[in-house]
């Protein structure tokens, strides 16, 4: 699947849906050993980095179904390219925007691949009335935009300046030198 015509998202599952049904509460140490949903995010471009955000969005439930509250669902995300270790967290702790719950964001370099392993389970503090007869069903959504760096980086890219225009950096300021027709800075 291509993300915003920029990145390639590969799900290593038979379905795009991630769900928990007929499960029972687990401790974090038990939850971290449950089956994972594995996926990768690949940047096929040779020159451009992309800023990306990975979201969880709720699936549409069937008539009569009720979603388990985020305060009873734990998740554990491992990004194989990250040096930081995450600990299991409740979904209710995630930031949200109009696109859904944000589970990860960052910048992916040209020709890079980020491999993810994502696990979900019902928190051991949940009671029967919190989860019995309810479902958890989500899918992954990724949004990406070109990483332009700072405004000055974008303005002073050599390909944006023309053939006879160069930049000179004296350590404090950056100057355009030569015949610069696109010097709108």
N, C-alpha and C. Protein backbone atom coordinates (compact mmCIF):
# COMPACT_ATOMS: atom_id res chain seq x y z
N UNK A 1 0.85 -1.16 0.00
CA UNK A 1 0.00 0.00 0.00
C UNK A 1 0.90 1.23 0.00
N UNK A 2 0.60 2.20 -0.82
CA UNK A 2 1.38 3.43 -0.89
C UNK A 2 0.72 4.49 -0.03
N UNK A 3 1.52 5.22 0.71
CA UNK A 3 1.03 6.26 1.61
C UNK A 3 1.22 7.61 0.96
N UNK A 4 0.13 8.31 0.71
CA UNK A 4 0.18 9.66 0.14
C UNK A 4 1.10 9.72 -1.08
N UNK A 5 1.18 8.65 -1.88
CA UNK A 5 2.04 8.56 -3.06
C UNK A 5 3.52 8.77 -2.74
N UNK A 6 3.92 8.52 -1.50
CA UNK A 6 5.30 8.78 -1.10
C UNK A 6 5.96 7.55 -0.47
N UNK A 7 5.36 6.99 0.54
CA UNK A 7 5.95 5.89 1.29
C UNK A 7 5.18 4.61 1.03
N UNK A 8 5.82 3.48 1.25
CA UNK A 8 5.18 2.20 1.06
C UNK A 8 4.97 1.55 2.43
N UNK A 9 3.71 1.25 2.75
CA UNK A 9 3.35 0.57 3.99
C UNK A 9 3.08 -0.89 3.66
N UNK A 10 3.78 -1.79 4.32
CA UNK A 10 3.58 -3.22 4.10
C UNK A 10 3.12 -3.85 5.41
N UNK A 11 1.93 -4.42 5.38
CA UNK A 11 1.40 -5.12 6.54
C UNK A 11 1.73 -6.60 6.37
N UNK A 12 2.29 -7.20 7.37
CA UNK A 12 2.66 -8.62 7.30
C UNK A 12 1.53 -9.50 7.81
N UNK A 13 0.31 -9.00 7.70
CA UNK A 13 -0.87 -9.71 8.19
C UNK A 13 -1.79 -10.02 7.02
N UNK A 14 -2.73 -10.92 7.23
CA UNK A 14 -3.68 -11.26 6.17
C UNK A 14 -4.78 -10.22 6.05
N UNK A 15 -4.94 -9.39 7.05
CA UNK A 15 -6.00 -8.40 7.06
C UNK A 15 -5.43 -7.07 7.55
N UNK A 16 -6.04 -5.98 7.10
CA UNK A 16 -5.65 -4.65 7.59
C UNK A 16 -6.22 -4.37 8.96
N UNK A 17 -7.21 -5.17 9.36
CA UNK A 17 -7.87 -4.94 10.64
C UNK A 17 -7.07 -5.54 11.78
N UNK A 18 -7.06 -4.83 12.88
CA UNK A 18 -6.45 -5.30 14.12
C UNK A 18 -7.58 -5.37 15.13
N UNK A 19 -7.75 -6.53 15.74
CA UNK A 19 -8.89 -6.65 16.65
C UNK A 19 -8.57 -7.54 17.84
N UNK A 20 -9.35 -7.32 18.88
CA UNK A 20 -9.32 -8.17 20.07
C UNK A 20 -10.77 -8.56 20.34
N UNK A 21 -11.01 -9.85 20.39
CA UNK A 21 -12.34 -10.35 20.73
C UNK A 21 -12.17 -11.54 21.66
N UNK A 22 -13.10 -11.68 22.60
CA UNK A 22 -13.11 -12.81 23.53
C UNK A 22 -11.78 -12.97 24.25
N UNK A 23 -11.17 -11.87 24.61
CA UNK A 23 -9.89 -11.91 25.32
C UNK A 23 -10.11 -11.64 26.80
N UNK A 24 -9.13 -11.95 27.57
CA UNK A 24 -9.20 -11.71 29.00
C UNK A 24 -8.04 -10.80 29.41
N UNK A 25 -8.16 -10.14 30.56
CA UNK A 25 -7.10 -9.20 31.00
C UNK A 25 -5.76 -9.90 31.21
N UNK A 26 -4.69 -9.14 30.86
CA UNK A 26 -3.32 -9.66 30.99
C UNK A 26 -2.45 -8.63 31.70
N UNK A 27 -1.40 -9.11 32.35
CA UNK A 27 -0.39 -8.21 32.89
C UNK A 27 0.47 -7.72 31.72
N UNK A 28 1.28 -6.71 31.96
CA UNK A 28 2.16 -6.20 30.90
C UNK A 28 3.15 -7.26 30.43
N UNK A 29 3.71 -8.03 31.36
CA UNK A 29 4.68 -9.05 30.95
C UNK A 29 4.01 -10.12 30.09
N UNK A 30 2.75 -10.47 30.36
CA UNK A 30 2.02 -11.42 29.52
C UNK A 30 1.65 -10.78 28.18
N UNK A 31 1.20 -9.53 28.21
CA UNK A 31 0.78 -8.83 27.00
C UNK A 31 1.91 -8.65 26.00
N UNK A 32 3.12 -8.44 26.50
CA UNK A 32 4.28 -8.25 25.63
C UNK A 32 4.67 -9.53 24.88
N UNK A 33 4.06 -10.67 25.25
CA UNK A 33 4.35 -11.92 24.56
C UNK A 33 3.20 -12.36 23.64
N UNK A 34 2.14 -11.58 23.54
CA UNK A 34 1.03 -11.94 22.66
C UNK A 34 1.45 -11.81 21.20
N UNK A 35 0.63 -12.35 20.31
CA UNK A 35 0.92 -12.25 18.87
C UNK A 35 0.99 -10.77 18.48
N UNK A 36 1.95 -10.47 17.61
CA UNK A 36 2.13 -9.07 17.20
C UNK A 36 1.57 -8.84 15.80
N UNK A 37 1.24 -7.60 15.53
CA UNK A 37 0.87 -7.14 14.20
C UNK A 37 2.13 -6.47 13.66
N UNK A 38 2.71 -7.06 12.64
CA UNK A 38 3.98 -6.57 12.11
C UNK A 38 3.75 -5.82 10.81
N UNK A 39 4.44 -4.70 10.67
CA UNK A 39 4.35 -3.91 9.45
C UNK A 39 5.63 -3.13 9.26
N UNK A 40 5.84 -2.67 8.03
CA UNK A 40 7.03 -1.87 7.74
C UNK A 40 6.64 -0.65 6.94
N UNK A 41 7.43 0.39 7.07
CA UNK A 41 7.26 1.64 6.35
C UNK A 41 8.55 1.88 5.59
N UNK A 42 8.45 1.98 4.26
CA UNK A 42 9.64 2.09 3.41
C UNK A 42 9.57 3.37 2.58
N UNK A 43 10.69 4.08 2.52
CA UNK A 43 10.82 5.27 1.68
C UNK A 43 11.61 4.87 0.44
N UNK A 44 10.93 4.72 -0.72
CA UNK A 44 11.64 4.29 -1.92
C UNK A 44 12.41 5.41 -2.62
N UNK A 45 12.20 6.64 -2.19
CA UNK A 45 12.86 7.77 -2.86
C UNK A 45 14.36 7.74 -2.61
N UNK A 46 15.12 8.19 -3.59
CA UNK A 46 16.58 8.21 -3.46
C UNK A 46 17.11 9.51 -2.85
N UNK A 47 16.29 10.58 -2.84
CA UNK A 47 16.80 11.88 -2.42
C UNK A 47 16.00 12.58 -1.33
N UNK A 48 14.78 12.17 -1.09
CA UNK A 48 13.89 12.94 -0.23
C UNK A 48 13.56 12.17 1.05
N UNK A 49 13.69 12.85 2.19
CA UNK A 49 13.21 12.31 3.46
C UNK A 49 11.76 12.75 3.63
N UNK A 50 11.01 11.97 4.40
CA UNK A 50 9.61 12.30 4.65
C UNK A 50 9.33 12.30 6.15
N UNK A 51 8.54 13.27 6.58
CA UNK A 51 8.00 13.27 7.93
C UNK A 51 6.72 12.44 7.86
N UNK A 52 6.54 11.54 8.81
CA UNK A 52 5.37 10.68 8.78
C UNK A 52 4.72 10.62 10.16
N UNK A 53 3.45 10.26 10.17
CA UNK A 53 2.71 10.01 11.39
C UNK A 53 1.92 8.73 11.19
N UNK A 54 1.99 7.83 12.16
CA UNK A 54 1.24 6.58 12.12
C UNK A 54 0.08 6.69 13.10
N UNK A 55 -1.11 6.42 12.59
CA UNK A 55 -2.33 6.55 13.37
C UNK A 55 -3.01 5.20 13.56
N UNK A 56 -3.78 5.10 14.63
CA UNK A 56 -4.75 4.04 14.80
C UNK A 56 -6.12 4.68 14.63
N UNK A 57 -6.92 4.12 13.75
CA UNK A 57 -8.27 4.64 13.59
C UNK A 57 -9.26 3.50 13.83
N UNK A 58 -10.38 3.82 14.43
CA UNK A 58 -11.39 2.82 14.74
C UNK A 58 -12.05 2.30 13.47
N UNK A 59 -12.27 1.00 13.43
CA UNK A 59 -13.06 0.41 12.35
C UNK A 59 -14.53 0.65 12.65
N UNK A 60 -15.33 0.61 11.62
CA UNK A 60 -16.79 0.71 11.79
C UNK A 60 -17.27 -0.60 12.39
N UNK A 61 -18.02 -0.48 13.46
CA UNK A 61 -18.52 -1.68 14.12
C UNK A 61 -19.83 -2.14 13.49
N UNK A 62 -20.08 -3.42 13.60
CA UNK A 62 -21.35 -3.96 13.14
C UNK A 62 -22.45 -3.54 14.10
N UNK A 63 -23.67 -3.57 13.62
CA UNK A 63 -24.82 -3.20 14.44
C UNK A 63 -24.83 -4.04 15.72
N UNK A 64 -24.99 -3.37 16.84
CA UNK A 64 -25.06 -4.05 18.13
C UNK A 64 -23.72 -4.22 18.82
N UNK A 65 -22.61 -3.94 18.13
CA UNK A 65 -21.30 -4.06 18.75
C UNK A 65 -20.94 -2.79 19.51
N UNK A 66 -20.17 -2.96 20.57
CA UNK A 66 -19.69 -1.83 21.37
C UNK A 66 -18.17 -1.94 21.49
N UNK A 67 -17.49 -0.82 21.33
CA UNK A 67 -16.02 -0.79 21.40
C UNK A 67 -15.58 -0.74 22.86
N UNK A 68 -14.55 -1.50 23.17
CA UNK A 68 -13.93 -1.43 24.50
C UNK A 68 -13.29 -0.04 24.63
N UNK A 69 -13.44 0.56 25.77
CA UNK A 69 -12.87 1.89 26.02
C UNK A 69 -11.34 1.84 25.96
N UNK A 70 -10.73 2.92 25.44
CA UNK A 70 -9.27 3.02 25.37
C UNK A 70 -8.60 2.88 26.73
N UNK A 71 -9.32 3.17 27.80
CA UNK A 71 -8.72 3.10 29.13
C UNK A 71 -8.49 1.66 29.60
N UNK A 72 -8.96 0.68 28.81
CA UNK A 72 -8.77 -0.73 29.17
C UNK A 72 -7.91 -1.50 28.16
N UNK A 73 -7.42 -0.81 27.13
CA UNK A 73 -6.60 -1.46 26.11
C UNK A 73 -5.15 -0.99 26.24
N UNK A 74 -4.25 -1.93 26.37
CA UNK A 74 -2.82 -1.62 26.41
C UNK A 74 -2.23 -1.90 25.03
N UNK A 75 -1.18 -1.14 24.70
CA UNK A 75 -0.46 -1.40 23.47
C UNK A 75 1.04 -1.34 23.75
N UNK A 76 1.78 -2.01 22.89
CA UNK A 76 3.24 -2.05 22.99
C UNK A 76 3.78 -2.00 21.58
N UNK A 77 4.49 -0.92 21.24
CA UNK A 77 5.01 -0.71 19.90
C UNK A 77 6.53 -0.77 19.92
N UNK A 78 7.09 -1.58 19.05
CA UNK A 78 8.53 -1.66 18.90
C UNK A 78 8.87 -1.23 17.48
N UNK A 79 9.73 -0.22 17.37
CA UNK A 79 10.25 0.23 16.08
C UNK A 79 11.69 -0.27 16.03
N UNK A 80 11.98 -1.20 15.14
CA UNK A 80 13.30 -1.83 15.11
C UNK A 80 14.42 -0.85 14.76
N UNK A 81 14.08 0.31 14.22
CA UNK A 81 15.12 1.28 13.85
C UNK A 81 15.33 2.33 14.94
N UNK A 82 14.55 2.26 16.00
CA UNK A 82 14.67 3.25 17.07
C UNK A 82 15.57 2.72 18.17
N UNK A 83 16.34 3.61 18.76
CA UNK A 83 17.20 3.20 19.86
C UNK A 83 16.48 3.30 21.20
N UNK A 84 15.35 3.98 21.23
CA UNK A 84 14.61 4.11 22.48
C UNK A 84 13.68 2.91 22.66
N UNK A 85 13.48 2.53 23.89
CA UNK A 85 12.59 1.43 24.22
C UNK A 85 11.30 1.99 24.77
N UNK A 86 10.19 1.50 24.25
CA UNK A 86 8.90 1.95 24.77
C UNK A 86 8.42 0.95 25.80
N UNK A 87 7.59 1.42 26.67
CA UNK A 87 6.97 0.52 27.63
C UNK A 87 5.48 0.44 27.29
N UNK A 88 4.81 -0.62 27.72
CA UNK A 88 3.38 -0.73 27.44
C UNK A 88 2.63 0.48 28.01
N UNK A 89 1.66 0.95 27.23
CA UNK A 89 0.86 2.11 27.64
C UNK A 89 -0.60 1.87 27.32
N UNK A 90 -1.46 2.55 28.02
CA UNK A 90 -2.88 2.52 27.71
C UNK A 90 -3.15 3.36 26.47
N UNK A 91 -4.08 2.93 25.64
CA UNK A 91 -4.43 3.72 24.46
C UNK A 91 -4.94 5.10 24.85
N UNK A 92 -5.56 5.21 26.01
CA UNK A 92 -6.10 6.50 26.45
C UNK A 92 -5.01 7.55 26.67
N UNK A 93 -3.74 7.14 26.72
CA UNK A 93 -2.64 8.10 26.91
C UNK A 93 -2.14 8.69 25.59
N UNK A 94 -2.60 8.15 24.47
CA UNK A 94 -2.13 8.62 23.16
C UNK A 94 -2.70 9.99 22.81
N UNK A 95 -1.90 10.79 22.13
CA UNK A 95 -2.38 12.05 21.58
C UNK A 95 -3.30 11.73 20.42
N UNK A 96 -4.27 12.63 20.18
CA UNK A 96 -5.20 12.44 19.08
C UNK A 96 -5.28 13.71 18.26
N UNK A 97 -5.60 13.55 16.99
CA UNK A 97 -5.98 14.68 16.17
C UNK A 97 -7.13 14.22 15.27
N UNK A 98 -7.47 14.99 14.26
CA UNK A 98 -8.61 14.64 13.40
C UNK A 98 -8.43 13.32 12.65
N UNK A 99 -7.20 12.83 12.55
CA UNK A 99 -6.92 11.60 11.82
C UNK A 99 -6.94 10.35 12.69
N UNK A 100 -6.92 10.51 13.99
CA UNK A 100 -6.94 9.35 14.89
C UNK A 100 -5.93 9.46 16.01
N UNK A 101 -5.65 8.32 16.64
CA UNK A 101 -4.68 8.25 17.73
C UNK A 101 -3.28 8.13 17.13
N UNK A 102 -2.35 8.93 17.61
CA UNK A 102 -0.99 8.95 17.07
C UNK A 102 -0.15 7.94 17.85
N UNK A 103 0.33 6.88 17.14
CA UNK A 103 1.17 5.89 17.83
C UNK A 103 2.65 6.07 17.55
N UNK A 104 2.99 6.77 16.47
CA UNK A 104 4.40 7.04 16.18
C UNK A 104 4.49 8.14 15.14
N UNK A 105 5.59 8.86 15.18
CA UNK A 105 5.87 9.87 14.15
C UNK A 105 7.38 10.06 14.09
N UNK A 106 7.84 10.58 12.97
CA UNK A 106 9.26 10.80 12.82
C UNK A 106 9.60 11.17 11.39
N UNK A 107 10.86 11.04 11.06
CA UNK A 107 11.35 11.30 9.72
C UNK A 107 12.02 10.04 9.21
N UNK A 108 11.70 9.65 7.99
CA UNK A 108 12.31 8.47 7.40
C UNK A 108 13.20 8.92 6.25
N UNK A 109 14.44 8.50 6.30
CA UNK A 109 15.46 8.90 5.33
C UNK A 109 15.23 8.21 3.98
N UNK A 110 15.85 8.75 2.92
CA UNK A 110 15.76 8.10 1.61
C UNK A 110 16.24 6.65 1.68
N UNK A 111 15.51 5.77 1.01
CA UNK A 111 15.82 4.34 0.91
C UNK A 111 15.80 3.61 2.26
N UNK A 112 15.22 4.20 3.28
CA UNK A 112 15.18 3.58 4.61
C UNK A 112 13.89 2.79 4.80
N UNK A 113 13.94 1.84 5.72
CA UNK A 113 12.77 1.06 6.09
C UNK A 113 12.69 1.00 7.61
N UNK A 114 11.53 1.31 8.15
CA UNK A 114 11.26 1.15 9.58
C UNK A 114 10.37 -0.07 9.74
N UNK A 115 10.78 -1.00 10.58
CA UNK A 115 9.99 -2.21 10.85
C UNK A 115 9.36 -2.08 12.23
N UNK A 116 8.07 -2.37 12.29
CA UNK A 116 7.32 -2.22 13.52
C UNK A 116 6.71 -3.54 13.96
N UNK A 117 6.57 -3.68 15.26
CA UNK A 117 5.85 -4.79 15.86
C UNK A 117 4.90 -4.17 16.89
N UNK A 118 3.62 -4.43 16.75
CA UNK A 118 2.59 -3.79 17.58
C UNK A 118 1.75 -4.87 18.25
N UNK A 119 1.57 -4.74 19.56
CA UNK A 119 0.77 -5.70 20.32
C UNK A 119 -0.31 -4.96 21.09
N UNK A 120 -1.46 -5.61 21.25
CA UNK A 120 -2.57 -5.08 22.03
C UNK A 120 -3.06 -6.15 22.99
N UNK A 121 -3.55 -5.71 24.15
CA UNK A 121 -4.19 -6.62 25.08
C UNK A 121 -5.07 -5.83 26.03
N UNK A 122 -5.91 -6.55 26.72
CA UNK A 122 -6.79 -5.92 27.71
C UNK A 122 -6.01 -5.79 29.01
N UNK A 123 -6.03 -4.59 29.58
CA UNK A 123 -5.28 -4.31 30.81
C UNK A 123 -5.81 -5.16 31.96
N UNK A 124 -4.90 -5.61 32.80
CA UNK A 124 -5.28 -6.49 33.91
C UNK A 124 -6.21 -5.81 34.91
N UNK A 125 -6.32 -4.49 34.90
CA UNK A 125 -7.21 -3.77 35.82
C UNK A 125 -8.66 -3.75 35.34
N UNK A 126 -8.90 -4.17 34.10
CA UNK A 126 -10.27 -4.16 33.56
C UNK A 126 -11.13 -5.21 34.27
N UNK A 127 -12.38 -4.86 34.51
CA UNK A 127 -13.31 -5.81 35.10
C UNK A 127 -14.13 -6.47 33.99
N UNK A 128 -14.89 -7.51 34.35
CA UNK A 128 -15.72 -8.17 33.34
C UNK A 128 -16.69 -7.20 32.69
N UNK A 129 -17.29 -6.33 33.49
CA UNK A 129 -18.27 -5.39 32.91
C UNK A 129 -17.61 -4.38 31.96
N UNK A 130 -16.31 -4.18 32.10
CA UNK A 130 -15.59 -3.25 31.22
C UNK A 130 -15.37 -3.84 29.82
N UNK A 131 -15.29 -5.17 29.72
CA UNK A 131 -14.86 -5.76 28.45
C UNK A 131 -15.75 -6.87 27.89
N UNK A 132 -16.53 -7.55 28.72
CA UNK A 132 -17.32 -8.67 28.24
C UNK A 132 -18.37 -8.19 27.23
N UNK A 133 -18.40 -8.86 26.09
CA UNK A 133 -19.36 -8.53 25.04
C UNK A 133 -18.96 -7.32 24.19
N UNK A 134 -17.75 -6.81 24.41
CA UNK A 134 -17.28 -5.65 23.66
C UNK A 134 -16.11 -6.07 22.76
N UNK A 135 -15.82 -5.25 21.75
CA UNK A 135 -14.74 -5.56 20.82
C UNK A 135 -13.78 -4.38 20.73
N UNK A 136 -12.60 -4.69 20.27
CA UNK A 136 -11.61 -3.66 19.94
C UNK A 136 -11.22 -3.92 18.50
N UNK A 137 -11.43 -2.93 17.62
CA UNK A 137 -11.16 -3.12 16.20
C UNK A 137 -10.66 -1.81 15.59
N UNK A 138 -9.40 -1.83 15.14
CA UNK A 138 -8.77 -0.64 14.57
C UNK A 138 -8.00 -1.01 13.31
N UNK A 139 -7.51 0.01 12.61
CA UNK A 139 -6.59 -0.20 11.50
C UNK A 139 -5.53 0.90 11.54
N UNK A 140 -4.46 0.66 10.81
CA UNK A 140 -3.34 1.59 10.78
C UNK A 140 -3.50 2.53 9.60
N UNK A 141 -3.22 3.80 9.85
CA UNK A 141 -3.22 4.82 8.80
C UNK A 141 -1.91 5.58 8.91
N UNK A 142 -1.26 5.84 7.78
CA UNK A 142 0.00 6.59 7.78
C UNK A 142 -0.16 7.80 6.88
N UNK A 143 0.29 8.94 7.37
CA UNK A 143 0.31 10.16 6.57
C UNK A 143 1.75 10.65 6.50
N UNK A 144 2.14 11.19 5.33
CA UNK A 144 3.52 11.62 5.14
C UNK A 144 3.58 12.91 4.34
N UNK A 145 4.58 13.73 4.67
CA UNK A 145 4.87 14.94 3.90
C UNK A 145 6.38 15.03 3.73
N UNK A 146 6.80 15.69 2.67
CA UNK A 146 8.22 15.84 2.41
C UNK A 146 8.86 16.65 3.53
N UNK A 147 10.00 16.15 4.02
CA UNK A 147 10.76 16.86 5.05
C UNK A 147 11.63 17.90 4.35
N UNK A 148 11.28 19.19 4.53
CA UNK A 148 12.05 20.24 3.87
C UNK A 148 13.11 20.83 4.78
N UNK A 149 13.17 20.34 6.02
CA UNK A 149 14.15 20.91 6.96
C UNK A 149 13.73 22.32 7.33
N UNK A 150 14.69 23.18 7.52
CA UNK A 150 14.38 24.56 7.87
C UNK A 150 13.99 25.33 6.61
N UNK A 151 13.37 26.46 6.79
CA UNK A 151 12.97 27.30 5.67
C UNK A 151 14.20 27.71 4.87
N UNK A 152 15.29 28.06 5.55
CA UNK A 152 16.49 28.48 4.82
C UNK A 152 17.08 27.33 4.02
N UNK A 153 17.00 26.09 4.56
CA UNK A 153 17.47 24.94 3.80
C UNK A 153 16.70 24.80 2.49
N UNK A 154 15.38 24.97 2.56
CA UNK A 154 14.55 24.86 1.36
C UNK A 154 14.84 25.99 0.38
N UNK A 155 15.00 27.19 0.89
CA UNK A 155 15.24 28.34 0.01
C UNK A 155 16.59 28.26 -0.67
N UNK A 156 17.59 27.73 0.02
CA UNK A 156 18.95 27.73 -0.51
C UNK A 156 19.36 26.40 -1.14
N UNK A 157 18.41 25.52 -1.44
CA UNK A 157 18.76 24.31 -2.17
C UNK A 157 19.29 24.71 -3.53
N UNK A 158 20.42 24.15 -3.91
CA UNK A 158 21.07 24.54 -5.17
C UNK A 158 20.15 24.36 -6.37
N UNK A 159 19.32 23.30 -6.36
CA UNK A 159 18.44 23.08 -7.51
C UNK A 159 17.36 24.15 -7.63
N UNK A 160 17.14 24.92 -6.56
CA UNK A 160 16.15 26.00 -6.60
C UNK A 160 16.75 27.33 -7.01
N UNK A 161 18.08 27.40 -7.10
CA UNK A 161 18.73 28.69 -7.32
C UNK A 161 19.06 28.96 -8.78
N UNK A 162 19.18 27.97 -9.60
CA UNK A 162 19.57 28.18 -10.99
C UNK A 162 21.04 27.84 -11.21
N UNK A 163 21.46 27.82 -12.48
CA UNK A 163 22.80 27.38 -12.85
C UNK A 163 23.91 28.33 -12.44
N UNK A 164 23.66 29.63 -12.44
CA UNK A 164 24.71 30.62 -12.19
C UNK A 164 24.62 31.25 -10.81
N UNK A 165 23.95 30.60 -9.90
CA UNK A 165 23.78 31.14 -8.55
C UNK A 165 24.26 30.11 -7.54
N UNK A 166 25.04 30.55 -6.58
CA UNK A 166 25.57 29.68 -5.54
C UNK A 166 25.33 30.33 -4.19
N UNK A 167 25.54 29.55 -3.15
CA UNK A 167 25.44 30.11 -1.80
C UNK A 167 26.83 30.19 -1.18
N UNK A 168 26.98 31.15 -0.28
CA UNK A 168 28.21 31.30 0.49
C UNK A 168 27.79 31.48 1.94
N UNK A 169 28.35 30.68 2.84
CA UNK A 169 28.04 30.75 4.26
C UNK A 169 29.28 31.19 5.01
N UNK A 170 29.21 32.35 5.69
CA UNK A 170 30.37 32.85 6.42
C UNK A 170 30.38 32.39 7.88
N UNK A 171 29.49 31.47 8.22
CA UNK A 171 29.41 30.98 9.59
C UNK A 171 28.32 31.68 10.38
N UNK A 172 27.91 32.84 9.94
CA UNK A 172 26.83 33.58 10.61
C UNK A 172 25.64 33.74 9.68
N UNK A 173 25.91 34.13 8.45
CA UNK A 173 24.85 34.38 7.47
C UNK A 173 25.12 33.56 6.21
N UNK A 174 24.05 33.35 5.45
CA UNK A 174 24.18 32.70 4.15
C UNK A 174 23.86 33.73 3.07
N UNK A 175 24.72 33.79 2.06
CA UNK A 175 24.57 34.77 0.99
C UNK A 175 24.38 34.06 -0.34
N UNK A 176 23.64 34.70 -1.25
CA UNK A 176 23.52 34.25 -2.62
C UNK A 176 24.57 35.01 -3.42
N UNK A 177 25.34 34.31 -4.24
CA UNK A 177 26.38 34.94 -5.05
C UNK A 177 26.25 34.49 -6.50
N UNK A 178 26.59 35.36 -7.43
CA UNK A 178 26.48 35.04 -8.84
C UNK A 178 25.26 35.70 -9.44
N UNK A 179 24.81 35.18 -10.53
CA UNK A 179 23.62 35.71 -11.20
C UNK A 179 22.41 34.94 -10.70
N UNK A 180 21.76 35.51 -9.69
CA UNK A 180 20.67 34.83 -9.00
C UNK A 180 19.34 35.49 -9.39
N UNK A 181 18.57 34.77 -10.19
CA UNK A 181 17.27 35.32 -10.60
C UNK A 181 16.18 35.00 -9.59
N UNK A 182 16.33 33.94 -8.81
CA UNK A 182 15.33 33.55 -7.84
C UNK A 182 15.77 33.91 -6.43
N UNK A 183 16.05 35.17 -6.20
CA UNK A 183 16.53 35.58 -4.88
C UNK A 183 15.42 36.27 -4.10
N UNK A 184 14.33 35.56 -3.87
CA UNK A 184 13.16 36.10 -3.19
C UNK A 184 13.26 35.88 -1.67
N UNK A 185 14.42 36.07 -1.11
CA UNK A 185 14.59 35.84 0.32
C UNK A 185 14.76 37.14 1.08
